[in-house]
N, C-alpha and C. Protein backbone atom coordinates (compact mmCIF):
# COMPACT_ATOMS: atom_id res chain seq x y z
N MET A 1 0.99 -1.19 -0.24
CA MET A 1 0.57 -0.46 0.62
C MET A 1 0.89 1.70 0.05
N LYS A 2 0.30 2.28 -1.34
CA LYS A 2 1.41 3.50 -1.06
C LYS A 2 1.50 4.63 0.54
N VAL A 3 1.71 5.41 0.70
CA VAL A 3 1.98 6.28 1.90
C VAL A 3 0.75 7.02 1.77
N ALA A 4 0.26 7.69 0.66
CA ALA A 4 -1.20 8.58 -0.03
C ALA A 4 -1.95 7.64 -0.47
N GLU A 5 -2.26 6.26 -0.25
CA GLU A 5 -3.83 5.75 0.10
C GLU A 5 -3.19 5.33 2.18
N LEU A 6 -2.92 5.33 3.08
CA LEU A 6 -2.11 5.31 4.32
C LEU A 6 -3.26 6.29 4.48
N SER A 7 -2.37 7.54 4.13
CA SER A 7 -3.17 8.64 4.57
C SER A 7 -4.27 8.98 4.27
N ARG A 8 -4.70 8.57 3.53
CA ARG A 8 -6.57 9.18 2.84
C ARG A 8 -7.22 7.22 3.99
N LEU A 9 -6.02 6.16 3.91
CA LEU A 9 -7.21 5.84 4.99
C LEU A 9 -6.92 6.35 7.14
N ARG A 10 -6.27 6.90 6.82
CA ARG A 10 -6.26 8.20 7.82
C ARG A 10 -6.51 8.03 8.56
N TRP A 11 -7.35 9.89 7.25
CA TRP A 11 -8.56 10.64 7.55
C TRP A 11 -9.93 10.38 7.48
N LEU A 12 -9.62 9.15 6.59
CA LEU A 12 -11.40 8.60 6.00
C LEU A 12 -11.92 8.21 7.85
N LEU A 13 -10.85 7.37 9.27
CA LEU A 13 -11.05 6.65 9.38
C LEU A 13 -11.09 8.22 10.64
N GLY A 14 -10.96 8.92 10.95
CA GLY A 14 -10.88 10.00 12.06
C GLY A 14 -12.43 10.78 11.27
N THR A 15 -12.67 10.69 10.52
CA THR A 15 -14.28 11.36 9.88
C THR A 15 -14.78 10.59 10.07
N LEU A 16 -14.52 9.36 10.07
CA LEU A 16 -16.56 8.50 9.90
C LEU A 16 -16.32 9.32 11.67
N LEU A 17 -14.91 8.81 12.51
CA LEU A 17 -15.12 9.30 13.88
C LEU A 17 -16.39 10.59 14.83
N ILE A 18 -15.62 11.42 13.57
CA ILE A 18 -16.34 12.60 13.72
C ILE A 18 -17.72 12.70 13.54
N ALA A 19 -18.18 12.59 12.36
CA ALA A 19 -19.61 12.18 11.72
C ALA A 19 -20.06 11.46 12.59
N ALA A 20 -20.05 10.24 13.33
CA ALA A 20 -20.46 10.15 14.19
C ALA A 20 -21.44 10.24 15.58
N ALA A 21 -20.24 10.91 15.29
CA ALA A 21 -19.85 12.53 17.10
C ALA A 21 -20.96 13.43 17.01
N ALA A 22 -20.85 13.41 15.61
CA ALA A 22 -22.25 15.05 15.81
C ALA A 22 -22.98 14.33 15.49
N LEU A 23 -22.98 13.35 15.11
CA LEU A 23 -25.04 12.80 14.95
C LEU A 23 -24.90 12.57 16.34
N PHE A 24 -24.41 12.04 16.78
CA PHE A 24 -24.76 11.27 18.32
C PHE A 24 -25.26 12.23 18.89
N ALA A 25 -25.32 13.80 19.01
CA ALA A 25 -24.80 14.45 19.77
C ALA A 25 -26.26 15.28 19.13
N LEU A 26 -26.49 15.44 17.60
CA LEU A 26 -28.05 15.40 17.33
C LEU A 26 -28.76 14.69 17.92
N GLY A 27 -28.54 13.65 17.31
CA GLY A 27 -29.37 12.18 17.88
C GLY A 27 -29.79 12.99 19.47
N ILE A 28 -29.40 12.56 20.16
CA ILE A 28 -29.73 13.46 21.84
C ILE A 28 -30.28 14.59 21.94
N ALA A 29 -29.95 14.87 21.29
CA ALA A 29 -30.68 17.05 21.03
C ALA A 29 -32.51 16.79 20.73
N THR A 30 -32.06 15.33 19.56
CA THR A 30 -33.67 14.92 18.92
C THR A 30 -34.06 14.61 19.44
N GLU A 31 -33.16 13.49 20.23
CA GLU A 31 -34.54 12.82 21.33
C GLU A 31 -35.51 13.73 22.05
N GLY A 32 -34.16 13.87 22.46
CA GLY A 32 -35.13 14.91 24.34
C GLY A 32 -35.67 16.86 23.37
N ASP A 33 -35.71 16.38 22.67
CA ASP A 33 -36.31 16.98 22.04
C ASP A 33 -38.49 16.36 21.83
N THR A 34 -37.82 14.77 21.36
CA THR A 34 -39.43 14.24 20.80
C THR A 34 -39.69 13.45 22.95
N HIS A 35 -38.81 13.59 23.73
CA HIS A 35 -39.59 13.50 24.63
C HIS A 35 -40.46 14.72 25.45
N ASN A 36 -39.48 15.49 25.49
CA ASN A 36 -40.40 16.62 25.93
C ASN A 36 -42.37 16.96 25.30
N GLU A 37 -41.17 16.94 23.80
CA GLU A 37 -43.14 17.10 22.99
C GLU A 37 -44.64 16.32 23.91
N ARG A 38 -44.13 14.80 23.57
CA ARG A 38 -44.92 13.64 24.41
C ARG A 38 -44.86 14.07 25.92
N VAL A 39 -44.41 15.06 26.42
CA VAL A 39 -44.78 14.82 28.16
C VAL A 39 -46.14 15.89 27.90
N VAL A 40 -45.49 16.52 27.14
CA VAL A 40 -46.85 18.22 26.27
C VAL A 40 -47.52 17.11 26.43
N ALA A 41 -47.86 16.25 25.00
CA ALA A 41 -48.66 16.51 24.24
C ALA A 41 -49.63 15.72 25.81
N THR A 42 -49.14 14.86 26.32
CA THR A 42 -49.80 13.30 27.53
C THR A 42 -50.59 15.27 29.02
N GLU A 43 -49.24 15.79 28.34
CA GLU A 43 -50.48 16.80 30.35
C GLU A 43 -51.59 17.44 29.22
N SER A 44 -52.27 17.00 28.40
CA SER A 44 -53.06 17.74 27.45
C SER A 44 -54.17 16.90 28.07
N GLY A 45 -54.50 16.19 28.01
CA GLY A 45 -55.47 14.84 28.41
C GLY A 45 -55.40 14.78 30.12
N ALA A 46 -56.92 14.56 29.62
CA ALA A 46 -57.18 14.55 31.42
C ALA A 46 -57.42 12.78 31.49
N ASN A 47 -57.38 11.81 31.05
CA ASN A 47 -57.84 10.38 31.31
C ASN A 47 -56.48 9.94 31.25
N GLU A 48 -55.33 10.14 30.63
CA GLU A 48 -53.96 10.02 31.06
C GLU A 48 -53.12 9.81 31.21
N GLN A 49 -53.15 9.87 33.27
CA GLN A 49 -51.96 10.79 34.44
C GLN A 49 -51.12 9.31 34.26
N SER A 50 -51.21 7.90 34.28
CA SER A 50 -50.33 7.24 34.10
C SER A 50 -49.29 7.55 33.08
N GLU A 51 -49.23 7.58 32.16
CA GLU A 51 -48.72 7.67 30.80
C GLU A 51 -48.16 9.14 31.41
N HIS A 52 -48.64 9.62 31.30
CA HIS A 52 -48.36 11.17 31.87
C HIS A 52 -46.96 10.96 32.49
N TYR A 53 -47.23 10.24 33.50
CA TYR A 53 -45.96 10.42 34.92
C TYR A 53 -44.98 9.11 34.19
N GLU A 54 -45.17 8.55 33.52
CA GLU A 54 -44.42 7.37 32.81
C GLU A 54 -43.31 8.13 31.34
N GLN A 55 -43.91 9.34 30.63
CA GLN A 55 -42.98 10.57 29.97
C GLN A 55 -42.63 11.20 30.54
N THR A 56 -43.29 12.04 31.92
CA THR A 56 -41.91 13.08 32.21
C THR A 56 -40.50 12.13 32.77
N GLU A 57 -40.51 10.72 33.35
CA GLU A 57 -40.00 9.84 33.75
C GLU A 57 -38.68 9.69 33.06
N VAL A 58 -39.27 9.90 31.03
CA VAL A 58 -38.59 9.12 31.12
C VAL A 58 -37.87 10.40 30.71
N ALA A 59 -37.97 11.94 30.68
CA ALA A 59 -37.44 13.43 29.68
C ALA A 59 -36.74 13.50 31.01
N ARG A 60 -37.39 13.00 32.17
CA ARG A 60 -36.76 13.99 33.06
C ARG A 60 -34.99 12.60 32.90
N THR A 61 -35.14 11.75 33.28
CA THR A 61 -34.05 11.41 33.30
C THR A 61 -33.07 9.90 32.55
N GLY A 62 -33.59 10.28 31.13
CA GLY A 62 -32.97 9.61 29.98
C GLY A 62 -33.09 7.86 30.21
N GLU A 63 -32.09 7.68 29.57
CA GLU A 63 -32.44 6.38 29.25
C GLU A 63 -30.99 5.35 30.15
N ARG A 64 -30.94 4.37 30.88
CA ARG A 64 -29.80 4.54 32.46
C ARG A 64 -29.57 2.24 31.71
N ILE A 65 -27.88 2.50 31.37
CA ILE A 65 -27.84 1.65 31.57
C ILE A 65 -26.65 0.88 32.62
N LEU A 66 -27.32 0.30 33.96
CA LEU A 66 -26.58 -0.53 34.78
C LEU A 66 -26.12 1.01 35.16
N GLY A 67 -27.09 1.21 35.87
CA GLY A 67 -27.36 2.59 35.91
C GLY A 67 -26.85 3.99 36.44
N VAL A 68 -26.72 4.28 34.68
CA VAL A 68 -25.66 5.47 34.28
C VAL A 68 -26.67 6.08 33.00
N ASN A 69 -27.35 6.97 33.28
CA ASN A 69 -27.67 7.28 31.94
C ASN A 69 -26.70 8.79 31.20
N LEU A 70 -27.36 7.35 30.14
CA LEU A 70 -26.34 7.23 28.63
C LEU A 70 -26.69 8.87 28.17
N GLU A 71 -27.42 9.64 28.25
CA GLU A 71 -28.20 10.66 27.74
C GLU A 71 -27.36 12.31 28.87
N SER A 72 -26.69 11.74 29.60
CA SER A 72 -26.83 13.27 30.51
C SER A 72 -26.03 14.44 29.11
N THR A 73 -26.11 15.96 30.24
CA THR A 73 -24.63 16.25 28.92
C THR A 73 -23.29 15.48 29.09
N PRO A 74 -23.10 16.08 30.73
CA PRO A 74 -21.13 15.09 30.62
C PRO A 74 -21.20 14.25 29.81
N LEU A 75 -21.95 13.38 30.70
CA LEU A 75 -21.16 12.18 29.70
C LEU A 75 -21.48 12.27 27.54
N VAL A 76 -22.85 12.98 27.19
CA VAL A 76 -22.10 12.97 25.67
C VAL A 76 -21.49 13.93 25.35
N ALA A 77 -20.58 15.06 26.27
CA ALA A 77 -19.68 15.97 25.23
C ALA A 77 -18.95 15.37 25.81
N PHE A 78 -18.34 14.75 27.37
CA PHE A 78 -17.11 12.83 26.81
C PHE A 78 -16.80 11.86 25.78
N ALA A 79 -18.06 11.46 25.94
CA ALA A 79 -17.94 10.86 24.43
C ALA A 79 -17.77 11.97 23.16
N VAL A 80 -18.28 12.25 23.04
CA VAL A 80 -18.19 13.53 21.61
C VAL A 80 -16.29 13.81 21.62
N LEU A 81 -16.14 14.71 22.92
CA LEU A 81 -14.29 14.89 22.63
C LEU A 81 -13.72 13.62 22.73
N ILE A 82 -13.71 12.67 23.16
CA ILE A 82 -13.04 10.72 22.79
C ILE A 82 -13.59 11.23 21.75
N SER A 83 -13.99 10.66 20.83
CA SER A 83 -14.42 10.41 19.52
C SER A 83 -12.97 11.47 18.43
N VAL A 84 -13.19 12.75 19.05
CA VAL A 84 -12.54 13.81 18.67
C VAL A 84 -11.37 13.71 18.67
N ALA A 85 -10.81 13.42 19.89
CA ALA A 85 -9.74 13.11 20.65
C ALA A 85 -9.12 11.48 19.24
N LEU A 86 -9.41 10.74 19.22
CA LEU A 86 -9.22 9.57 18.50
C LEU A 86 -9.77 9.74 17.05
N ALA A 87 -9.74 10.52 16.52
CA ALA A 87 -9.93 11.33 15.31
C ALA A 87 -8.38 11.38 14.55
N VAL A 88 -7.84 12.32 15.56
CA VAL A 88 -7.06 13.72 15.43
C VAL A 88 -5.80 12.96 15.82
N ALA A 89 -5.63 12.39 16.95
CA ALA A 89 -4.72 10.57 17.04
C ALA A 89 -5.25 9.74 15.23
N THR A 90 -5.60 9.26 14.94
CA THR A 90 -5.47 8.73 14.07
C THR A 90 -5.35 9.78 12.95
N TRP A 91 -5.63 10.83 12.19
CA TRP A 91 -4.97 11.55 11.65
C TRP A 91 -3.27 11.81 12.55
N ARG A 92 -2.86 12.04 12.63
CA ARG A 92 -1.61 12.61 12.90
C ARG A 92 -1.12 11.41 12.52
N ARG A 93 -1.21 9.72 13.38
CA ARG A 93 -0.03 8.85 13.31
C ARG A 93 -0.58 6.76 13.45
N ASP A 94 0.02 6.15 12.74
CA ASP A 94 -0.66 5.36 12.52
C ASP A 94 -0.38 4.13 13.83
N ASP A 95 0.09 4.22 15.25
CA ASP A 95 -0.17 3.58 16.05
C ASP A 95 -1.13 2.88 16.29
N LYS A 96 -0.28 1.48 16.27
CA LYS A 96 -1.13 0.52 17.17
C LYS A 96 -2.08 0.75 18.22
N LEU A 97 -1.59 1.67 19.69
CA LEU A 97 -2.47 1.64 19.92
C LEU A 97 -3.63 2.15 19.96
N ILE A 98 -2.96 3.48 19.72
CA ILE A 98 -4.75 4.57 19.25
C ILE A 98 -4.90 3.72 17.98
N LEU A 99 -5.45 2.78 16.89
CA LEU A 99 -6.05 1.90 16.60
C LEU A 99 -6.57 0.66 17.30
N LEU A 100 -6.76 0.25 18.37
CA LEU A 100 -6.59 -0.67 18.99
C LEU A 100 -7.98 -0.18 19.88
N ALA A 101 -7.49 0.74 20.87
CA ALA A 101 -8.12 2.11 21.30
C ALA A 101 -9.15 2.63 20.65
N THR A 102 -8.80 3.08 19.08
CA THR A 102 -10.16 3.79 18.45
C THR A 102 -11.03 2.47 17.69
N ALA A 103 -10.64 1.39 17.73
CA ALA A 103 -11.34 0.63 17.11
C ALA A 103 -12.41 0.11 17.97
N VAL A 104 -11.88 -0.70 19.41
CA VAL A 104 -12.57 -0.54 20.95
C VAL A 104 -14.08 0.41 21.13
N PHE A 105 -13.16 1.86 20.88
CA PHE A 105 -14.79 2.59 21.38
C PHE A 105 -15.06 2.68 19.96
N ALA A 106 -14.84 2.51 19.11
CA ALA A 106 -16.42 1.89 18.24
C ALA A 106 -16.41 1.46 17.88
N ALA A 107 -16.22 0.06 18.57
CA ALA A 107 -17.26 -0.87 18.32
C ALA A 107 -17.47 -1.07 19.18
N ALA A 108 -17.91 -1.25 20.79
CA ALA A 108 -18.35 -0.46 21.85
C ALA A 108 -19.81 0.57 21.06
N PHE A 109 -19.29 1.23 20.71
CA PHE A 109 -21.20 2.37 20.19
C PHE A 109 -21.31 1.61 19.41
N ALA A 110 -21.30 1.31 18.37
CA ALA A 110 -21.78 0.64 17.68
C ALA A 110 -22.94 -0.34 18.47
N THR A 111 -22.27 -1.14 19.10
CA THR A 111 -23.62 -1.95 19.76
C THR A 111 -24.11 -1.04 20.60
N LEU A 112 -23.76 -0.33 21.06
CA LEU A 112 -25.08 0.93 21.62
C LEU A 112 -26.18 0.92 20.82
N ASP A 113 -25.20 1.14 19.79
CA ASP A 113 -26.08 1.93 18.39
C ASP A 113 -27.24 1.18 17.86
N VAL A 114 -26.77 -0.17 17.88
CA VAL A 114 -27.49 -0.75 17.75
C VAL A 114 -28.59 -1.31 17.75
N ALA A 115 -28.76 -1.23 19.85
CA ALA A 115 -29.35 -1.15 20.88
C ALA A 115 -30.76 -0.49 20.72
N GLU A 116 -29.41 1.39 20.78
CA GLU A 116 -31.09 2.33 20.38
C GLU A 116 -31.67 2.32 19.48
N PHE A 117 -30.77 1.47 18.30
CA PHE A 117 -32.15 1.31 17.15
C PHE A 117 -33.35 0.58 17.50
N SER A 118 -32.68 -0.73 17.97
CA SER A 118 -33.97 -1.44 18.29
C SER A 118 -35.11 -0.72 19.54
N HIS A 119 -34.24 0.54 20.60
CA HIS A 119 -35.37 0.89 21.31
C HIS A 119 -36.47 2.55 20.81
N GLN A 120 -35.74 2.25 19.20
CA GLN A 120 -36.44 3.63 18.82
C GLN A 120 -37.72 3.39 18.28
N ILE A 121 -37.11 2.09 17.56
CA ILE A 121 -38.11 1.37 16.53
C ILE A 121 -39.12 0.69 17.38
N ARG A 122 -39.50 -0.10 18.71
CA ARG A 122 -40.08 -0.18 19.42
C ARG A 122 -41.02 0.95 20.06
N GLN A 123 -40.77 2.11 20.05
CA GLN A 123 -41.62 3.58 20.21
C GLN A 123 -41.09 3.93 19.75
N SER A 124 -41.40 3.61 18.27
CA SER A 124 -42.19 4.42 17.27
C SER A 124 -41.70 5.77 16.86
N ALA A 125 -40.63 4.98 16.84
CA ALA A 125 -39.47 7.40 17.06
C ALA A 125 -38.52 7.22 15.60
N THR A 126 -39.28 6.50 14.15
CA THR A 126 -38.43 6.45 13.09
C THR A 126 -36.89 7.36 12.57
N THR A 127 -37.32 8.99 13.10
CA THR A 127 -36.01 9.56 12.71
C THR A 127 -34.84 9.22 13.86
N ILE A 128 -35.37 9.21 14.49
CA ILE A 128 -34.06 8.33 15.87
C ILE A 128 -33.77 8.23 15.19
N ALA A 129 -34.87 6.68 15.14
CA ALA A 129 -34.01 5.48 15.21
C ALA A 129 -33.31 5.13 13.10
N ALA A 130 -33.62 5.69 13.08
CA ALA A 130 -33.12 5.77 11.40
C ALA A 130 -31.40 7.43 11.87
N ILE A 131 -32.29 8.33 12.28
CA ILE A 131 -30.14 9.10 12.71
C ILE A 131 -29.42 7.16 13.59
N ALA A 132 -29.84 7.12 14.49
CA ALA A 132 -28.77 5.79 15.33
C ALA A 132 -28.88 5.04 14.27
N ALA A 133 -29.67 4.32 13.66
CA ALA A 133 -28.26 3.13 12.43
C ALA A 133 -27.59 3.68 11.50
N ILE A 134 -27.64 4.80 10.90
CA ILE A 134 -27.01 6.05 10.38
C ILE A 134 -25.43 5.92 11.38
N ILE A 135 -25.38 6.66 12.91
CA ILE A 135 -24.73 6.62 13.75
C ILE A 135 -23.63 4.82 13.34
N ALA A 136 -24.96 4.01 14.22
CA ALA A 136 -24.67 2.54 13.89
C ALA A 136 -23.64 2.24 13.04
N VAL A 137 -23.57 2.12 12.30
CA VAL A 137 -23.00 2.45 11.10
C VAL A 137 -21.96 2.78 10.66
N LEU A 138 -21.65 4.05 11.41
CA LEU A 138 -20.38 5.11 10.72
C LEU A 138 -19.27 4.40 11.93
N HIS A 139 -20.31 3.86 13.36
CA HIS A 139 -19.11 3.90 14.34
C HIS A 139 -18.05 2.25 13.64
N ALA A 140 -19.12 1.55 13.27
CA ALA A 140 -18.92 0.01 12.95
C ALA A 140 -17.81 0.21 11.88
N GLY A 141 -18.00 0.72 10.72
CA GLY A 141 -17.17 1.31 9.43
C GLY A 141 -15.61 1.71 10.49
N ALA A 142 -15.71 2.28 11.58
CA ALA A 142 -14.26 3.25 12.42
C ALA A 142 -13.96 1.66 12.83
N ALA A 143 -14.70 0.81 13.06
CA ALA A 143 -14.51 -0.02 14.01
C ALA A 143 -13.27 -1.38 13.04
N LEU A 144 -14.65 -0.96 12.49
CA LEU A 144 -13.21 -2.26 11.55
C LEU A 144 -12.27 -1.58 10.41
N LEU A 145 -11.73 -0.62 10.53
CA LEU A 145 -10.78 -0.10 9.36
C LEU A 145 -9.47 0.29 10.40
N ALA A 146 -10.44 0.69 11.31
CA ALA A 146 -9.22 0.92 12.62
C ALA A 146 -8.64 -0.67 12.60
N GLU A 147 -9.94 -1.75 13.14
CA GLU A 147 -8.47 -2.97 13.82
C GLU A 147 -8.30 -3.08 12.26
N GLN A 148 -8.07 -2.94 11.16
CA GLN A 148 -8.22 -3.47 8.96
C GLN A 148 -6.53 -3.00 9.56
N ARG A 149 -6.23 -1.51 9.89
CA ARG A 149 -4.77 -0.99 10.05
C ARG A 149 -4.23 -1.19 11.26
N ARG A 150 -4.72 -1.31 12.14
CA ARG A 150 -4.07 -2.00 13.45
C ARG A 150 -3.49 -3.03 12.87
N THR A 151 -3.23 -4.28 12.17
CA THR A 151 -3.34 -5.73 11.54
C THR A 151 -2.47 -5.09 11.13
N ALA A 152 -2.89 -4.64 9.64
CA ALA A 152 -2.29 -4.15 8.95
C ALA A 152 -0.75 -3.24 8.89
N ALA A 153 -0.59 -2.08 9.67
CA ALA A 153 0.62 -1.42 9.85
C ALA A 153 1.64 -2.21 10.83
N PRO A 154 2.79 -1.94 9.96
CA PRO A 154 4.82 -2.68 10.81
C PRO A 154 5.09 -2.92 12.08
């Protein structure tokens, strides 16, 4: 493989990470708006008090895995920051450790993205499901590309 091709692959990897991070932040913001709209719509119906309570709880607490709110602003900001840092690191160097960290990070996020896609399909939130699907593909592509570069690097 030529040096120019290696450079393009590193740029592609970083670009996939940044695109996924941007869409992740957009998806979280969009989902927050959707939760708030459901709460307002439910508040207007007098016979739907239990659904109001459930929707309010979802809007207030977000989705939790192992007790961690994956939609909290600090956690979203941290995930975006890590994505950007890994993108910059892959742009600058073809280091095996950086590529391994990138592959693991992207694969973990791809798994969460697929779970989010499934959840949003069950909730009939097609816009957010589509965003989650795109992010899953971007993260999976980044994970595969990082692993391919890691195993091919001298």
